[in-house]
């Protein structure tokens, strides 16, 4: 079956200094691990053609389909607070863009496709672990309702890569509304390239925030989008792990699933990333880091905002400070829903924070505790049940004040609190099985996580918190 993709490559039409044009590096013996058929349909692609020889060649980087315009994007970024003026796609290539069935522009990118001019001594490849992790977690995030990049396919390459040792290579095909980051703007700002900055701004405005017409309006839109996104992360116990400015997406999507993790036992200071030695990106720090990253974005936009620098700084500062109100509103709405509350009352923040404080003190499982509010099992998650009892009495009184039927409240609780998340030990289990040639745990995890709010009794084992010997305390970038 012939592979026919209607590419429309707007980023490739930007000036050449925005990227480096090159083809992916072919691999020895590609084989398909998984194809996301539903996403392929959403993109207007033929899934059967993607499974065929031409499709596999494209997904592996062995052939560039007609109409594609492969390129590595240039960007800069603050990494753990330190600025790097040139980063860029060191192991990824944007094949091109398509307009999906809903009329949305989507990037199709190969990750792990070989060296680029931005590889910085790296091999440009990926091993199977981070490819499977990003596939699992990004698709789970989508099913959980979080704006995110998506996974279209994962393939093995038939070649080994060398990290701590010899590992089987793999390539992820990633889909996004774009791959434009705060770091993309920093790349032009640090070079004093105002023409490039303005060109990037106009492209980004039209693509992501068409209702905004000025740099200040775009800044406000990005601030609001990031506030909503981080509030969603917090409501799931999700820790991004590497919130650098080059991983802060202008459209408000979650991007880069390196050392990310979902908490099992809840604590606000939880850190998983092996490279986050000082807890910069701990769970509770994520809102403040987002503000810091947005301040860097605002700084980039200053030359476009007002010829009066002081006026530009004042307006940009005010816009960035709007994050707090946006985030607080989104966070309260998220956690009210997690408690089954349908209306706002003044004491709700205290009710939520009291529960979280008791969960933190007892290291209670985050996901199981909130899901347990729907079926009456939350109390069993607390090592000291009386800590839950005292809070639950206030919660039930608050619920009763709304006068809603129990069945309606239970349905609302189940709709707001997932039963299944990509628990770290299950993701690691899938990766270890894949290293031994068994992809069944990976496929099963993907299938279950596609419906995270459903009970799925046949997958009851995936509901369990890790046993002591299964706890994952560190996650790794995988590059």
Protein backbone atom coordinates (compact mmCIF):
# COMPACT_ATOMS: atom_id res chain seq x y z
CA UNK A 1 0.00 0.00 0.00
CA UNK A 2 1.39 3.40 -1.02
CA UNK A 3 2.20 5.91 1.71
CA UNK A 4 0.68 9.28 0.85
CA UNK A 5 1.03 12.16 3.35
CA UNK A 6 -0.23 15.67 2.60
CA UNK A 7 2.58 17.65 4.19
CA UNK A 8 2.28 21.43 4.59
CA UNK A 9 5.56 22.54 6.13
CA UNK A 10 5.17 26.06 7.49
CA UNK A 11 8.24 25.97 9.75
CA UNK A 12 10.43 24.89 6.84
CA UNK A 13 9.35 28.05 5.04
CA UNK A 14 10.93 30.24 7.73
CA UNK A 15 14.46 31.63 7.19
CA UNK A 16 17.29 29.10 7.07
CA UNK A 17 18.83 30.31 10.34
CA UNK A 18 15.85 28.81 12.20
CA UNK A 19 17.05 25.25 11.56
CA UNK A 20 19.46 22.93 9.79
CA UNK A 21 18.13 20.93 6.85
CA UNK A 22 19.24 17.30 6.75
CA UNK A 23 17.89 13.79 6.32
CA UNK A 24 17.65 11.22 9.10
CA UNK A 25 20.44 8.66 9.31
CA UNK A 26 19.25 5.23 8.08
CA UNK A 27 19.28 2.24 10.43
CA UNK A 28 20.18 -1.38 9.83
CA UNK A 29 17.04 -3.44 10.44
CA UNK A 30 13.97 -1.55 11.62
CA UNK A 31 10.97 -3.32 13.12
CA UNK A 32 7.69 -1.86 14.33
CA UNK A 33 7.01 -2.09 18.07
CA UNK A 34 3.69 -0.24 18.16
CA UNK A 35 1.66 2.02 15.90
CA UNK A 36 -0.94 4.37 17.34
CA UNK A 37 -3.75 3.65 14.87
CA UNK A 38 -6.21 6.07 16.46
CA UNK A 39 -3.72 8.93 16.26
CA UNK A 40 -2.84 7.97 12.68
CA UNK A 41 -6.54 8.27 11.79
CA UNK A 42 -6.75 11.61 13.61
CA UNK A 43 -3.86 12.87 11.49
CA UNK A 44 -5.49 11.67 8.29
CA UNK A 45 -2.82 9.00 7.74
CA UNK A 46 -3.36 5.47 6.48
CA UNK A 47 -2.43 3.11 9.32
CA UNK A 48 -2.04 0.13 7.01
CA UNK A 49 0.36 2.08 4.82
CA UNK A 50 2.33 3.09 7.90
CA UNK A 51 2.64 -0.59 8.84
CA UNK A 52 3.85 -1.43 5.36
CA UNK A 53 7.40 -1.20 3.97
CA UNK A 54 7.14 2.48 2.99
CA UNK A 55 5.67 3.43 6.34
CA UNK A 56 8.25 1.52 8.34
CA UNK A 57 11.03 3.10 6.27
CA UNK A 58 9.67 6.55 7.15
CA UNK A 59 9.23 5.77 10.87
CA UNK A 60 12.80 4.48 11.03
CA UNK A 61 14.33 7.35 9.08
CA UNK A 62 15.37 5.07 6.22
CA UNK A 63 13.32 7.00 3.65
CA UNK A 64 12.01 10.54 3.44
CA UNK A 65 8.46 10.55 2.06
CA UNK A 66 7.45 12.86 -0.74
CA UNK A 67 6.55 16.32 0.53
CA UNK A 68 8.54 16.05 3.78
CA UNK A 69 11.13 18.71 4.60
CA UNK A 70 13.29 17.21 7.38
CA UNK A 71 15.07 19.68 9.62
CA UNK A 72 16.60 20.05 13.07
CA UNK A 73 15.25 23.09 14.88
CA UNK A 74 17.56 25.59 16.55
CA UNK A 75 16.88 26.75 20.10
CA UNK A 76 18.67 27.80 23.27
CA UNK A 77 17.62 27.38 26.89
CA UNK A 78 18.15 27.62 30.60
CA UNK A 79 19.01 24.16 31.93
CA UNK A 80 18.70 23.96 35.72
CA UNK A 81 19.09 27.74 35.76
CA UNK A 82 22.23 27.90 33.62
CA UNK A 83 21.90 29.43 30.17
CA UNK A 84 23.10 27.57 27.07
CA UNK A 85 22.96 29.82 23.98
CA UNK A 86 22.76 26.94 21.49
CA UNK A 87 20.98 23.66 22.07
CA UNK A 88 18.68 22.58 19.23
CA UNK A 89 17.45 19.18 18.09
CA UNK A 90 20.43 16.99 18.80
CA UNK A 91 18.70 13.67 18.18
CA UNK A 92 15.45 14.63 16.50
CA UNK A 93 14.24 15.75 13.10
CA UNK A 94 10.99 17.44 12.20
CA UNK A 95 9.83 15.52 9.13
CA UNK A 96 7.10 18.01 8.40
CA UNK A 97 3.60 19.18 9.28
CA UNK A 98 0.13 17.95 8.43
CA UNK A 99 -3.33 19.43 8.88
CA UNK A 100 -5.32 16.84 10.82
CA UNK A 101 -8.97 15.91 10.37
CA UNK A 102 -10.01 18.62 12.84
CA UNK A 103 -8.12 21.30 10.91
CA UNK A 104 -5.26 21.53 13.40
CA UNK A 105 -1.65 21.85 12.31
CA UNK A 106 0.51 19.04 13.73
CA UNK A 107 4.26 18.35 13.64
CA UNK A 108 5.54 14.86 12.87
CA UNK A 109 9.00 14.39 14.35
CA UNK A 110 11.45 11.49 14.56
CA UNK A 111 13.25 11.25 17.89
CA UNK A 112 16.47 9.21 17.89
CA UNK A 113 17.05 9.66 14.16
CA UNK A 114 20.80 10.35 14.21
CA UNK A 115 23.32 13.16 14.55
CA UNK A 116 22.51 16.75 13.67
CA UNK A 117 24.59 19.96 13.83
CA UNK A 118 23.16 20.41 17.35
CA UNK A 119 24.17 16.98 18.72
CA UNK A 120 27.06 18.36 20.83
CA UNK A 121 29.20 15.20 20.67
CA UNK A 122 26.16 12.94 21.07
CA UNK A 123 25.29 10.09 18.72
CA UNK A 124 21.81 11.42 17.99
CA UNK A 125 20.27 8.08 18.83
CA UNK A 126 17.92 6.78 21.51
CA UNK A 127 17.81 3.45 23.26
CA UNK A 128 14.62 1.56 23.76
CA UNK A 129 14.04 2.60 27.39
CA UNK A 130 13.32 6.33 26.93
CA UNK A 131 11.39 5.62 23.73
CA UNK A 132 8.99 3.25 25.49
CA UNK A 133 8.77 5.57 28.51
CA UNK A 134 7.77 8.55 26.36
CA UNK A 135 5.28 6.46 24.39
CA UNK A 136 3.63 5.16 27.57
CA UNK A 137 3.58 8.40 29.53
CA UNK A 138 2.68 10.82 26.74
CA UNK A 139 -0.25 8.68 25.61
CA UNK A 140 -1.37 8.24 29.22
CA UNK A 141 -1.27 12.00 29.70
CA UNK A 142 -3.44 12.45 26.63
CA UNK A 143 -5.98 9.96 27.99
CA UNK A 144 -5.90 11.81 31.32
CA UNK A 145 -6.90 15.01 29.51
CA UNK A 146 -3.57 16.82 29.76
CA UNK A 147 -2.27 18.82 26.76
CA UNK A 148 0.75 16.89 25.55
CA UNK A 149 2.89 15.76 22.68
CA UNK A 150 1.72 12.39 21.36
CA UNK A 151 3.36 9.14 20.27
CA UNK A 152 2.52 7.92 16.77
CA UNK A 153 4.93 4.98 16.63
CA UNK A 154 7.92 3.26 18.17
CA UNK A 155 10.37 1.14 16.17
CA UNK A 156 13.53 -0.76 16.94
CA UNK A 157 16.51 -0.02 14.72
CA UNK A 158 18.42 -3.30 14.69
CA UNK A 159 21.43 -1.37 16.00
CA UNK A 160 22.87 -0.92 19.47
CA UNK A 161 23.63 2.37 21.18
CA UNK A 162 26.07 2.84 24.04
CA UNK A 163 25.06 4.49 27.30
CA UNK A 164 26.04 2.78 30.56
CA UNK A 165 26.51 -0.23 28.31
CA UNK A 166 25.23 -1.67 25.05
CA UNK A 167 21.50 -1.03 24.57
CA UNK A 168 19.10 -1.77 21.69
CA UNK A 169 18.32 1.33 19.65
CA UNK A 170 14.85 2.68 18.96
CA UNK A 171 13.11 5.66 17.37
CA UNK A 172 9.95 7.42 18.54
CA UNK A 173 7.68 9.24 16.12
CA UNK A 174 6.34 12.20 18.07
CA UNK A 175 3.39 14.42 17.19
CA UNK A 176 2.90 17.94 18.57
CA UNK A 177 1.01 21.13 17.80
CA UNK A 178 4.53 22.47 17.25
CA UNK A 179 7.96 22.14 18.81
CA UNK A 180 8.30 25.86 19.56
CA UNK A 181 9.63 26.50 23.07
CA UNK A 182 10.65 29.42 25.24
CA UNK A 183 14.17 28.36 24.26
CA UNK A 184 13.37 28.99 20.59
CA UNK A 185 12.72 32.63 21.40
CA UNK A 186 15.85 32.75 23.57
CA UNK A 187 17.93 31.56 20.62
CA UNK A 188 17.14 34.72 18.65
CA UNK A 189 17.01 37.08 21.63
CA UNK A 190 20.51 36.22 22.84
CA UNK A 191 21.85 36.90 19.32
CA UNK A 192 20.16 40.29 19.14
CA UNK A 193 18.34 39.04 16.04
CA UNK A 194 15.23 41.20 16.24
CA UNK A 195 14.11 40.33 12.71
CA UNK A 196 14.32 36.63 13.54
CA UNK A 197 12.52 37.23 16.82
CA UNK A 198 9.71 39.09 15.08
CA UNK A 199 9.39 36.40 12.40
CA UNK A 200 9.21 33.70 15.07
CA UNK A 201 6.67 35.72 17.03
CA UNK A 202 4.36 36.15 14.03
CA UNK A 203 4.62 32.45 13.16
CA UNK A 204 3.90 31.44 16.76
CA UNK A 205 1.06 33.91 17.22
CA UNK A 206 -0.72 32.70 14.09
CA UNK A 207 -0.16 29.06 14.97
CA UNK A 208 -0.91 28.96 18.69
CA UNK A 209 -2.62 32.16 19.79
CA UNK A 210 -4.47 33.62 16.78
CA UNK A 211 -6.84 35.59 19.00
CA UNK A 212 -3.87 37.50 20.45
CA UNK A 213 -2.56 40.31 18.28
CA UNK A 214 0.32 41.91 20.17
CA UNK A 215 3.40 40.52 21.96
CA UNK A 216 1.83 41.43 25.31
CA UNK A 217 -1.38 39.59 24.44
CA UNK A 218 0.59 36.52 23.36
CA UNK A 219 2.59 36.64 26.59
CA UNK A 220 -0.64 36.72 28.60
CA UNK A 221 -2.02 33.79 26.59
CA UNK A 222 1.13 31.73 27.17
CA UNK A 223 1.09 32.57 30.90
CA UNK A 224 -2.53 31.40 31.19
CA UNK A 225 -1.86 28.21 29.21
CA UNK A 226 1.15 27.28 31.33
CA UNK A 227 -0.78 27.95 34.55
CA UNK A 228 -3.57 25.61 33.46
CA UNK A 229 -1.06 22.97 32.38
CA UNK A 230 0.93 22.94 35.62
CA UNK A 231 -2.30 22.82 37.65
CA UNK A 232 -3.23 19.68 35.73
CA UNK A 233 0.17 18.14 36.51
CA UNK A 234 -0.30 18.90 40.20
CA UNK A 235 -3.74 17.31 40.21
CA UNK A 236 -2.25 14.05 38.95
CA UNK A 237 0.81 13.95 41.18
CA UNK A 238 2.96 14.34 38.07
CA UNK A 239 6.54 15.59 38.26
CA UNK A 240 8.03 16.72 34.96
CA UNK A 241 11.58 16.45 36.25
CA UNK A 242 13.32 18.73 33.76
CA UNK A 243 11.40 22.01 33.46
CA UNK A 244 14.09 23.81 31.52
CA UNK A 245 13.08 26.70 29.27
CA UNK A 246 13.78 24.53 26.23
CA UNK A 247 11.06 22.18 27.55
CA UNK A 248 8.49 24.95 28.08
CA UNK A 249 6.09 24.77 25.16
CA UNK A 250 4.61 27.99 23.80
CA UNK A 251 1.32 26.29 23.01
CA UNK A 252 0.92 24.93 26.55
CA UNK A 253 1.66 21.25 25.85
CA UNK A 254 3.69 18.91 28.03
CA UNK A 255 6.91 18.22 26.15
CA UNK A 256 9.93 16.00 26.89
CA UNK A 257 9.25 12.93 29.02
CA UNK A 258 12.78 12.32 30.23
CA UNK A 259 13.10 11.80 34.01
CA UNK A 260 9.38 12.38 34.59
CA UNK A 261 7.40 10.42 37.19
CA UNK A 262 4.02 10.05 38.84
CA UNK A 263 4.18 10.01 42.61
CA UNK A 264 3.15 6.91 44.50
CA UNK A 265 3.48 8.06 48.11
CA UNK A 266 2.60 11.75 48.26
CA UNK A 267 4.99 14.41 49.48
CA UNK A 268 5.29 17.96 48.12
CA UNK A 269 9.09 17.85 48.10
CA UNK A 270 9.25 14.68 46.01
CA UNK A 271 12.02 14.54 43.39
CA UNK A 272 12.77 11.62 41.07
CA UNK A 273 15.13 12.98 38.44
CA UNK A 274 18.69 11.73 38.91
CA UNK A 275 20.06 15.01 37.53
CA UNK A 276 17.99 17.25 39.84
CA UNK A 277 20.44 17.16 42.73
CA UNK A 278 19.00 20.15 44.61
CA UNK A 279 15.28 19.63 44.00
CA UNK A 280 14.86 22.60 41.65
CA UNK A 281 12.04 20.77 39.86
CA UNK A 282 10.40 19.07 42.85
CA UNK A 283 6.64 18.57 42.71
CA UNK A 284 5.81 21.62 44.83
CA UNK A 285 8.29 23.85 42.98
CA UNK A 286 6.70 23.39 39.57
CA UNK A 287 4.46 26.49 39.70
CA UNK A 288 7.34 28.75 40.74
CA UNK A 289 9.60 27.29 38.06
CA UNK A 290 6.93 27.91 35.44
CA UNK A 291 6.83 31.59 36.50
CA UNK A 292 10.63 31.78 36.23
CA UNK A 293 10.53 30.25 32.75
CA UNK A 294 7.77 32.63 31.68
CA UNK A 295 9.86 35.56 32.89
CA UNK A 296 12.57 34.45 30.46
CA UNK A 297 9.98 34.37 27.67
CA UNK A 298 8.81 37.84 28.63
CA UNK A 299 12.40 39.11 28.50
CA UNK A 300 12.69 37.83 24.93
CA UNK A 301 9.58 39.73 23.88
CA UNK A 302 10.62 43.09 25.35
CA UNK A 303 12.17 44.44 22.11
CA UNK A 304 8.87 43.73 20.32
CA UNK A 305 6.60 45.19 22.98
CA UNK A 306 7.39 48.87 23.36
CA UNK A 307 10.17 51.24 22.32
CA UNK A 308 10.03 52.54 25.90
CA UNK A 309 11.96 49.80 27.71
CA UNK A 310 10.68 50.73 31.16
CA UNK A 311 7.07 50.59 29.94
CA UNK A 312 7.73 47.23 28.27
CA UNK A 313 9.27 45.78 31.45
CA UNK A 314 6.38 47.02 33.58
CA UNK A 315 3.76 45.53 31.24
CA UNK A 316 5.63 42.22 30.90
CA UNK A 317 6.12 41.94 34.66
CA UNK A 318 2.43 42.49 35.28
CA UNK A 319 1.57 39.82 32.68
CA UNK A 320 3.89 37.24 34.22
CA UNK A 321 2.46 37.97 37.67
CA UNK A 322 -0.96 36.99 36.31
CA UNK A 323 0.23 33.39 36.51
CA UNK A 324 -0.57 33.22 40.22
CA UNK A 325 -4.26 34.01 39.80
CA UNK A 326 -4.61 31.72 36.77
CA UNK A 327 -2.84 28.88 38.56
CA UNK A 328 -4.73 29.24 41.83
CA UNK A 329 -8.06 29.22 40.02
CA UNK A 330 -7.10 26.18 37.93
CA UNK A 331 -5.61 24.35 40.93
CA UNK A 332 -8.72 24.94 43.06
CA UNK A 333 -11.00 23.85 40.22
CA UNK A 334 -8.93 20.70 39.71
CA UNK A 335 -8.88 19.69 43.37
CA UNK A 336 -12.50 20.66 43.98
CA UNK A 337 -13.37 18.21 41.21
CA UNK A 338 -11.14 15.59 42.84
CA UNK A 339 -13.23 15.98 46.02
CA UNK A 340 -16.48 15.74 44.06
CA UNK A 341 -17.44 19.36 44.75
CA UNK A 342 -19.61 21.11 42.18
CA UNK A 343 -19.60 24.67 43.48
CA UNK A 344 -17.12 27.07 45.04
CA UNK A 345 -17.05 27.92 48.73
CA UNK A 346 -14.56 29.97 50.73
CA UNK A 347 -13.25 27.12 52.86
CA UNK A 348 -12.46 24.79 49.97
CA UNK A 349 -8.74 25.64 49.77
CA UNK A 350 -8.30 24.83 53.46
CA UNK A 351 -10.21 21.56 53.06
CA UNK A 352 -7.95 20.51 50.16
CA UNK A 353 -4.73 21.59 51.86
CA UNK A 354 -5.64 19.79 55.09
CA UNK A 355 -6.09 16.52 53.22
CA UNK A 356 -2.80 16.98 51.34
CA UNK A 357 -0.95 17.79 54.57
CA UNK A 358 -2.20 14.59 56.20
CA UNK A 359 -1.34 12.57 53.11
CA UNK A 360 2.16 14.05 53.13
CA UNK A 361 2.68 13.31 56.82
CA UNK A 362 1.73 9.67 56.32
CA UNK A 363 3.19 9.26 52.80
CA UNK A 364 -0.21 8.13 51.54
CA UNK A 365 -0.54 6.97 47.94
CA UNK A 366 -1.72 9.96 45.89
CA UNK A 367 -3.72 8.24 43.16
CA UNK A 368 -5.25 5.48 45.29
CA UNK A 369 -6.32 7.92 48.02
CA UNK A 370 -8.23 10.23 45.70
CA UNK A 371 -9.73 7.37 43.69
CA UNK A 372 -10.72 5.77 46.98
CA UNK A 373 -13.00 8.71 47.77
CA UNK A 374 -15.35 7.32 45.13
CA UNK A 375 -15.62 3.77 46.44
CA UNK A 376 -15.04 4.21 50.16
CA UNK A 377 -11.52 2.73 50.22
CA UNK A 378 -9.59 5.95 50.87
CA UNK A 379 -9.48 5.37 54.63
CA UNK A 380 -7.56 2.12 54.11
CA UNK A 381 -4.75 4.05 52.40
CA UNK A 382 -3.90 5.92 55.61
CA UNK A 383 -1.46 4.30 58.03
CA UNK A 384 -3.30 6.22 60.75
CA UNK A 385 -6.97 6.00 59.69
CA UNK A 386 -8.10 8.49 62.33
CA UNK A 387 -6.20 11.18 60.41
CA UNK A 388 -8.52 10.52 57.49
CA UNK A 389 -11.62 10.23 59.66
CA UNK A 390 -11.33 13.73 61.11
CA UNK A 391 -10.91 15.24 57.66
CA UNK A 392 -13.61 13.06 56.07
CA UNK A 393 -16.24 14.33 58.51
CA UNK A 394 -15.65 17.88 57.28
CA UNK A 395 -15.61 16.71 53.65
CA UNK A 396 -18.93 14.88 53.96
CA UNK A 397 -20.50 17.92 55.59
CA UNK A 398 -19.27 20.06 52.72
CA UNK A 399 -20.64 17.56 50.16
CA UNK A 400 -23.98 17.41 51.95
CA UNK A 401 -24.33 21.19 51.69
CA UNK A 402 -24.66 20.81 47.92
CA UNK A 403 -27.59 18.39 48.22
CA UNK A 404 -26.57 16.24 45.27
CA UNK A 405 -27.48 12.54 45.02
CA UNK A 406 -24.76 10.11 46.13
CA UNK A 407 -24.66 8.47 42.71
CA UNK A 408 -23.98 11.82 41.04
CA UNK A 409 -21.14 12.59 43.47
CA UNK A 410 -19.62 9.13 42.99
CA UNK A 411 -19.72 9.50 39.21
CA UNK A 412 -18.07 12.92 39.49
CA UNK A 413 -15.33 11.53 41.73
CA UNK A 414 -14.60 8.71 39.29
CA UNK A 415 -14.50 11.14 36.38
CA UNK A 416 -11.97 13.39 38.15
CA UNK A 417 -9.71 10.74 39.73
CA UNK A 418 -8.01 8.15 37.54
CA UNK A 419 -7.74 4.57 38.68
CA UNK A 420 -4.68 3.94 36.52
CA UNK A 421 -1.54 6.00 36.03
CA UNK A 422 1.86 5.04 34.54
CA UNK A 423 3.35 3.97 37.84
CA UNK A 424 7.12 4.09 37.76
CA UNK A 425 7.64 0.45 38.65
CA UNK A 426 5.25 -0.68 35.91
CA UNK A 427 7.01 1.47 33.32
CA UNK A 428 10.35 0.01 34.40
CA UNK A 429 8.88 -3.49 34.30
CA UNK A 430 7.77 -2.92 30.70
CA UNK A 431 11.21 -1.60 29.72
CA UNK A 432 13.05 -4.51 31.33
CA UNK A 433 10.76 -7.01 29.61
CA UNK A 434 11.36 -5.27 26.27
CA UNK A 435 15.12 -5.54 26.78
CA UNK A 436 14.57 -9.29 26.98
CA UNK A 437 12.49 -9.22 23.79
CA UNK A 438 9.05 -9.31 25.42
CA UNK A 439 6.83 -6.35 24.51
CA UNK A 440 3.64 -7.79 26.04
CA UNK A 441 3.88 -5.75 29.29
CA UNK A 442 4.42 -2.58 27.23
CA UNK A 443 1.38 -3.23 25.04
CA UNK A 444 -0.78 -4.16 28.03
CA UNK A 445 0.21 -1.00 29.89
CA UNK A 446 -0.57 1.17 26.86
CA UNK A 447 -3.96 -0.51 26.40
CA UNK A 448 -4.99 -0.10 30.06
CA UNK A 449 -3.77 3.49 30.29
CA UNK A 450 -5.85 4.44 27.25
CA UNK A 451 -8.90 4.31 29.59
CA UNK A 452 -7.46 5.49 32.93
CA UNK A 453 -10.79 6.37 34.57
CA UNK A 454 -12.45 3.01 33.86
CA UNK A 455 -12.47 0.28 36.52
CA UNK A 456 -10.99 -2.47 34.27
CA UNK A 457 -11.13 -5.33 36.84
CA UNK A 458 -8.97 -7.54 34.59
CA UNK A 459 -6.11 -5.06 35.20
CA UNK A 460 -6.49 -4.90 38.98
CA UNK A 461 -2.80 -5.71 39.46
CA UNK A 462 -1.89 -2.41 37.78
CA UNK A 463 -3.82 -0.49 40.44
CA UNK A 464 -1.46 -1.55 43.20
CA UNK A 465 1.13 0.74 44.73
CA UNK A 466 4.65 -0.68 44.51
CA UNK A 467 5.90 -3.06 47.14
CA UNK A 468 8.99 -1.91 49.01
CA UNK A 469 11.36 -3.74 46.66
CA UNK A 470 9.57 -2.30 43.61
CA UNK A 471 9.76 1.39 44.55
CA UNK A 472 11.52 3.51 41.94
CA UNK A 473 13.38 6.35 43.63
CA UNK A 474 15.32 7.72 40.67
CA UNK A 475 14.42 8.29 37.05
CA UNK A 476 16.86 9.09 34.29
CA UNK A 477 16.96 11.37 31.27
CA UNK A 478 17.97 8.54 28.95
CA UNK A 479 19.82 10.65 26.39
